[in-house]
Amino acid sequence: MNGTSSTPSSTSSSFYTEFSPVHRKKRKSRAPKEREPLLAIVQRLREELGHDDWLSECQQILVESLAKASLATISEVICLGLGSPAASATARVQLAFLLAICENLNIDRAKVFLYDPVFTAEDMTLFAELQVQLLTENKDAAYVIDHPTLCFMPHCDLALYENIIRANWSKTRLPNLVLVANRLADYVESNPRHQLETKAPFLLNLAPTLQCHPFPASRPWPTAFNNTALQHAGGEDVYEIMISTDEFNARGALRWRVKNDEMTDKHGGTAWMEMQIEG
């Protein structure tokens, strides 16, 4: 038997020597997709809502309820706490819904006023293109309503609802307040009374007496319109509220005097509370 040494074969060596690596071709970088203009997005959402039976149901609720309450002559809208349409899909579809109901109620866009401190320059450009108006002063929703006005305030903070009710707490102004907002009675049902007496006493008194017409749930936009309802107070209801809250307001005035000694010295806590319920 012959002994032979094992050495790498020449063919094996040449295989590795002759190997040429394959270089991948560089892919051409794709140009960034151009963003759809904000106006086009809102207009598209408005069209999509128009194809949904949900919008028709909401419009029917609005028209029939306002007519029954002798509020069919509403010609002005205040929209508060919308959020930034440039940054929020919810704000965009709520704005599209607002435009749709204004069109259905024959409300001129020149009579649609909006305010939210988060509005951006892009939002303001959008509003100019839509020909709706911007409120320039931040009143934390404490706007005085002198004629029937639709206040569009879905998903606002409790404090904003309280402020707009407080600012219009009179027998003449409160019937002008027509809210498209979260169902206010839910706040009364889900919060301890002693907390509401401090944080939202006017809402606490008004909410249980409101005429409330809930909107149906929206399948495409469940969170944008959940718990939203048309709400308003009637003339007789307002009169009864003013009478029944005398004792409550007296207690509120006492708490107010204790916490605001300096202002009490100048104006008087009781007088301040009485101003809130003047007819």
Protein backbone atom coordinates (compact mmCIF):
# COMPACT_ATOMS: atom_id res chain seq x y z
CA MET A 1 0.00 0.00 0.00
CA ASN A 2 1.58 3.25 -1.08
CA GLY A 3 1.44 6.21 1.42
CA THR A 4 0.47 9.45 -0.21
CA SER A 5 0.07 12.85 1.49
CA SER A 6 -3.23 14.69 1.16
CA THR A 7 -2.84 18.19 -0.30
CA PRO A 8 -5.46 20.65 -1.54
CA SER A 9 -6.20 20.04 -5.18
CA SER A 10 -5.37 22.65 -7.76
CA THR A 11 -8.95 22.70 -8.93
CA SER A 12 -10.18 23.60 -5.46
CA SER A 13 -7.62 26.35 -5.16
CA SER A 14 -8.45 27.79 -8.53
CA PHE A 15 -12.16 27.79 -7.67
CA TYR A 16 -11.67 30.28 -4.85
CA THR A 17 -9.09 32.24 -6.79
CA GLU A 18 -11.30 32.81 -9.78
CA PHE A 19 -14.45 33.75 -7.79
CA SER A 20 -15.68 37.27 -8.53
CA PRO A 21 -18.11 38.90 -6.06
CA VAL A 22 -21.37 40.18 -7.50
CA HIS A 23 -22.04 43.85 -6.76
CA ARG A 24 -25.68 44.84 -6.20
CA LYS A 25 -26.94 47.75 -8.16
CA LYS A 26 -27.86 50.71 -6.05
CA ARG A 27 -31.58 51.33 -5.99
CA LYS A 28 -32.70 54.71 -7.03
CA SER A 29 -34.08 56.57 -4.03
CA ARG A 30 -37.79 57.18 -4.33
CA ALA A 31 -38.94 60.74 -4.23
CA PRO A 32 -40.94 61.45 -1.07
CA LYS A 33 -44.66 61.18 -1.65
CA GLU A 34 -46.20 64.60 -1.93
CA ARG A 35 -48.64 65.27 0.89
CA GLU A 36 -52.25 65.84 -0.08
CA PRO A 37 -53.24 69.47 0.54
CA LEU A 38 -55.18 69.96 3.75
CA LEU A 39 -58.09 71.57 1.92
CA ALA A 40 -58.35 68.57 -0.41
CA ILE A 41 -58.37 66.18 2.58
CA VAL A 42 -61.23 68.04 4.28
CA GLN A 43 -63.20 68.25 1.02
CA ARG A 44 -62.70 64.52 0.45
CA LEU A 45 -63.91 63.76 3.98
CA ARG A 46 -66.94 65.97 3.36
CA GLU A 47 -67.75 63.92 0.25
CA GLU A 48 -67.23 60.62 2.09
CA LEU A 49 -69.60 61.72 4.85
CA GLY A 50 -72.16 62.58 2.19
CA HIS A 51 -72.20 58.97 1.03
CA ASP A 52 -72.90 57.68 4.55
CA ASP A 53 -76.47 57.32 5.87
CA TRP A 54 -75.13 58.42 9.25
CA LEU A 55 -74.83 62.04 8.08
CA SER A 56 -78.42 62.04 6.80
CA GLU A 57 -79.65 60.71 10.15
CA CYS A 58 -77.77 63.43 12.05
CA GLN A 59 -79.08 66.14 9.73
CA GLN A 60 -82.63 64.90 10.19
CA ILE A 61 -82.23 65.02 13.98
CA LEU A 62 -80.94 68.59 13.74
CA VAL A 63 -83.63 69.90 11.40
CA GLU A 64 -86.58 68.26 13.18
CA SER A 65 -85.39 69.05 16.72
CA LEU A 66 -84.60 72.68 15.96
CA ALA A 67 -87.93 73.19 14.22
CA LYS A 68 -89.80 71.68 17.15
CA ALA A 69 -87.97 74.01 19.54
CA SER A 70 -88.66 77.06 17.32
CA LEU A 71 -84.93 77.38 16.66
CA ALA A 72 -85.02 76.83 12.91
CA THR A 73 -83.75 80.38 12.32
CA ILE A 74 -80.22 79.68 13.62
CA SER A 75 -77.84 81.62 11.40
CA GLU A 76 -74.56 81.57 13.33
CA VAL A 77 -72.10 78.95 14.58
CA ILE A 78 -69.34 79.08 17.20
CA CYS A 79 -66.92 76.16 17.02
CA LEU A 80 -64.68 75.76 20.08
CA GLY A 81 -62.04 73.21 21.04
CA LEU A 82 -61.87 71.60 17.60
CA GLY A 83 -58.17 70.80 17.71
CA SER A 84 -55.75 71.25 14.84
CA PRO A 85 -56.98 69.89 11.48
CA ALA A 86 -53.37 69.87 10.29
CA ALA A 87 -52.38 67.52 13.11
CA SER A 88 -55.52 65.55 13.97
CA ALA A 89 -57.64 63.23 11.83
CA THR A 90 -60.46 63.62 14.36
CA ALA A 91 -60.38 67.41 14.00
CA ARG A 92 -60.47 67.08 10.21
CA VAL A 93 -63.55 64.87 10.10
CA GLN A 94 -65.33 66.95 12.77
CA LEU A 95 -64.68 70.03 10.64
CA ALA A 96 -66.01 68.24 7.56
CA PHE A 97 -69.14 67.30 9.55
CA LEU A 98 -69.59 70.89 10.71
CA LEU A 99 -69.40 72.14 7.12
CA ALA A 100 -71.98 69.55 6.08
CA ILE A 101 -74.52 70.49 8.75
CA CYS A 102 -74.03 74.21 8.08
CA GLU A 103 -74.79 73.59 4.44
CA ASN A 104 -77.89 71.60 5.37
CA LEU A 105 -79.10 74.35 7.74
CA ASN A 106 -78.33 77.10 5.20
CA ILE A 107 -75.82 78.77 7.51
CA ASP A 108 -73.43 81.04 5.62
CA ARG A 109 -69.76 80.17 6.17
CA ALA A 110 -69.12 83.84 6.88
CA LYS A 111 -71.19 83.25 10.05
CA VAL A 112 -69.10 80.27 11.21
CA PHE A 113 -66.58 81.33 13.88
CA LEU A 114 -63.83 79.10 15.25
CA TYR A 115 -61.33 79.27 18.09
CA ASP A 116 -58.78 76.92 19.56
CA PRO A 117 -55.38 78.04 20.91
CA VAL A 118 -53.74 75.05 19.18
CA PHE A 119 -54.58 76.28 15.66
CA THR A 120 -51.45 76.46 13.48
CA ALA A 121 -50.57 78.67 10.53
CA GLU A 122 -51.57 75.81 8.24
CA ASP A 123 -54.95 75.58 9.99
CA MET A 124 -55.51 79.29 9.54
CA THR A 125 -54.73 79.03 5.83
CA LEU A 126 -57.28 76.22 5.59
CA PHE A 127 -59.96 78.29 7.34
CA ALA A 128 -59.30 81.19 4.96
CA GLU A 129 -59.70 78.83 2.00
CA LEU A 130 -62.96 77.53 3.47
CA GLN A 131 -64.11 81.13 4.08
CA VAL A 132 -64.91 80.54 7.75
CA GLN A 133 -63.95 83.07 10.42
CA LEU A 134 -61.44 83.01 13.26
CA LEU A 135 -62.21 84.45 16.68
CA THR A 136 -59.21 86.47 17.82
CA GLU A 137 -59.79 86.54 21.58
CA ASN A 138 -59.41 83.54 23.86
CA LYS A 139 -62.31 83.73 26.32
CA ASP A 140 -62.05 80.11 27.47
CA ALA A 141 -65.48 79.59 25.87
CA ALA A 142 -67.14 82.36 27.92
CA TYR A 143 -68.80 83.91 24.86
CA VAL A 144 -72.09 85.75 25.38
CA ILE A 145 -74.84 84.48 23.06
CA ASP A 146 -77.42 87.15 22.21
CA HIS A 147 -79.31 85.26 19.47
CA PRO A 148 -79.88 81.57 18.64
CA THR A 149 -76.43 80.11 17.94
CA LEU A 150 -75.18 76.61 17.26
CA CYS A 151 -72.21 75.95 19.55
CA PHE A 152 -70.18 73.11 18.05
CA MET A 153 -68.09 71.67 20.90
CA PRO A 154 -67.61 67.88 20.64
CA HIS A 155 -65.20 66.37 23.19
CA CYS A 156 -64.35 69.65 24.94
CA ASP A 157 -63.11 69.84 28.51
CA LEU A 158 -65.72 70.13 31.26
CA ALA A 159 -64.44 73.63 32.11
CA LEU A 160 -65.29 74.94 28.63
CA TYR A 161 -68.87 73.67 28.84
CA GLU A 162 -69.19 75.24 32.28
CA ASN A 163 -67.81 78.57 31.06
CA ILE A 164 -70.18 78.99 28.13
CA ILE A 165 -73.19 78.04 30.27
CA ARG A 166 -72.11 80.41 33.05
CA ALA A 167 -71.58 83.28 30.59
CA ASN A 168 -75.17 82.89 29.36
CA TRP A 169 -76.91 82.11 32.64
CA SER A 170 -80.02 84.23 32.19
CA LYS A 171 -83.62 83.67 31.13
CA THR A 172 -83.02 85.57 27.89
CA ARG A 173 -79.66 84.13 26.84
CA LEU A 174 -79.78 80.48 27.84
CA PRO A 175 -82.48 79.56 25.28
CA ASN A 176 -80.14 80.88 22.56
CA LEU A 177 -77.52 78.28 23.43
CA VAL A 178 -77.79 75.25 21.12
CA LEU A 179 -75.03 72.74 21.76
CA VAL A 180 -73.63 70.01 19.55
CA ALA A 181 -71.43 68.50 22.20
CA ASN A 182 -70.86 65.61 24.56
CA ARG A 183 -74.02 64.65 26.42
CA LEU A 184 -73.75 66.93 29.47
CA ALA A 185 -75.95 64.74 31.66
CA ASP A 186 -73.20 62.11 31.52
CA TYR A 187 -70.94 64.43 33.51
CA VAL A 188 -73.58 64.70 36.22
CA GLU A 189 -74.09 60.94 36.29
CA SER A 190 -70.39 60.04 36.33
CA ASN A 191 -68.95 62.62 38.76
CA PRO A 192 -69.54 63.10 42.50
CA ARG A 193 -71.99 65.91 43.13
CA HIS A 194 -69.70 67.73 45.58
CA GLN A 195 -67.01 67.96 42.88
CA LEU A 196 -69.44 69.39 40.33
CA GLU A 197 -70.75 71.92 42.86
CA THR A 198 -67.22 73.30 42.96
CA LYS A 199 -66.01 72.79 39.39
CA ALA A 200 -69.20 73.05 37.32
CA PRO A 201 -72.19 74.32 39.34
CA PHE A 202 -74.01 75.84 36.37
CA LEU A 203 -73.66 72.70 34.25
CA LEU A 204 -74.83 70.67 37.25
CA ASN A 205 -78.08 72.64 37.38
CA LEU A 206 -78.69 72.85 33.65
CA ALA A 207 -77.76 69.38 32.35
CA PRO A 208 -80.70 67.38 33.80
CA THR A 209 -83.24 69.76 32.24
CA LEU A 210 -81.78 69.95 28.72
CA GLN A 211 -83.64 68.65 25.71
CA CYS A 212 -81.16 66.05 24.46
CA HIS A 213 -81.16 64.44 21.00
CA PRO A 214 -78.26 61.95 20.69
CA PHE A 215 -76.62 61.33 17.34
CA PRO A 216 -76.24 57.70 16.23
CA ALA A 217 -72.83 56.05 16.36
CA SER A 218 -70.61 56.53 13.33
CA ARG A 219 -69.00 53.32 12.08
CA PRO A 220 -66.19 54.95 10.08
CA TRP A 221 -65.44 57.49 12.83
CA PRO A 222 -66.52 55.97 16.16
CA THR A 223 -64.29 58.08 18.44
CA ALA A 224 -64.80 61.39 16.63
CA PHE A 225 -68.55 61.48 17.31
CA ASN A 226 -69.14 59.13 20.24
CA ASN A 227 -71.49 60.49 22.91
CA THR A 228 -72.35 63.52 20.74
CA ALA A 229 -75.81 65.06 20.97
CA LEU A 230 -77.84 68.13 20.10
CA GLN A 231 -78.83 69.83 23.39
CA HIS A 232 -80.81 72.94 24.22
CA ALA A 233 -82.98 74.46 26.95
CA GLY A 234 -86.55 75.60 26.44
CA GLY A 235 -87.97 78.89 27.72
CA GLU A 236 -90.12 77.38 30.49
CA ASP A 237 -87.30 75.05 31.52
CA VAL A 238 -84.98 78.02 31.94
CA TYR A 239 -87.49 79.84 34.16
CA GLU A 240 -87.84 76.79 36.40
CA ILE A 241 -84.05 76.40 36.63
CA MET A 242 -83.59 79.99 37.74
CA ILE A 243 -86.16 79.56 40.52
CA SER A 244 -84.93 76.17 41.71
CA THR A 245 -81.28 77.27 41.91
CA ASP A 246 -81.78 80.19 44.30
CA GLU A 247 -80.68 78.17 47.33
CA PHE A 248 -77.84 76.54 45.43
CA ASN A 249 -76.54 79.92 44.27
CA ALA A 250 -76.71 81.28 47.80
CA ARG A 251 -74.44 78.44 48.96
CA GLY A 252 -72.19 79.07 45.96
CA ALA A 253 -71.98 82.76 46.80
CA LEU A 254 -70.92 81.91 50.34
CA ARG A 255 -68.12 79.63 49.10
CA TRP A 256 -67.10 82.30 46.62
CA ARG A 257 -66.86 84.95 49.37
CA VAL A 258 -64.65 82.73 51.50
CA LYS A 259 -62.24 82.03 48.64
CA ASN A 260 -62.22 85.56 47.20
CA ASP A 261 -62.06 87.97 50.12
CA GLU A 262 -60.43 90.74 48.13
CA MET A 263 -63.00 90.75 45.33
CA THR A 264 -65.82 90.39 47.85
CA ASP A 265 -64.70 93.64 49.49
CA LYS A 266 -65.03 95.41 46.12
CA HIS A 267 -68.11 93.80 44.61
CA GLY A 268 -69.77 91.44 47.09
CA GLY A 269 -70.10 87.72 46.52
CA THR A 270 -73.89 87.74 46.58
CA ALA A 271 -74.08 90.53 44.03
CA TRP A 272 -71.69 88.62 41.79
CA MET A 273 -73.87 85.51 41.87
CA GLU A 274 -77.00 87.58 41.32
CA MET A 275 -75.46 89.04 38.16
CA GLN A 276 -75.14 85.51 36.80
CA ILE A 277 -78.89 84.87 36.98
CA GLU A 278 -80.29 88.19 35.82
CA GLY A 279 -83.04 87.81 33.26
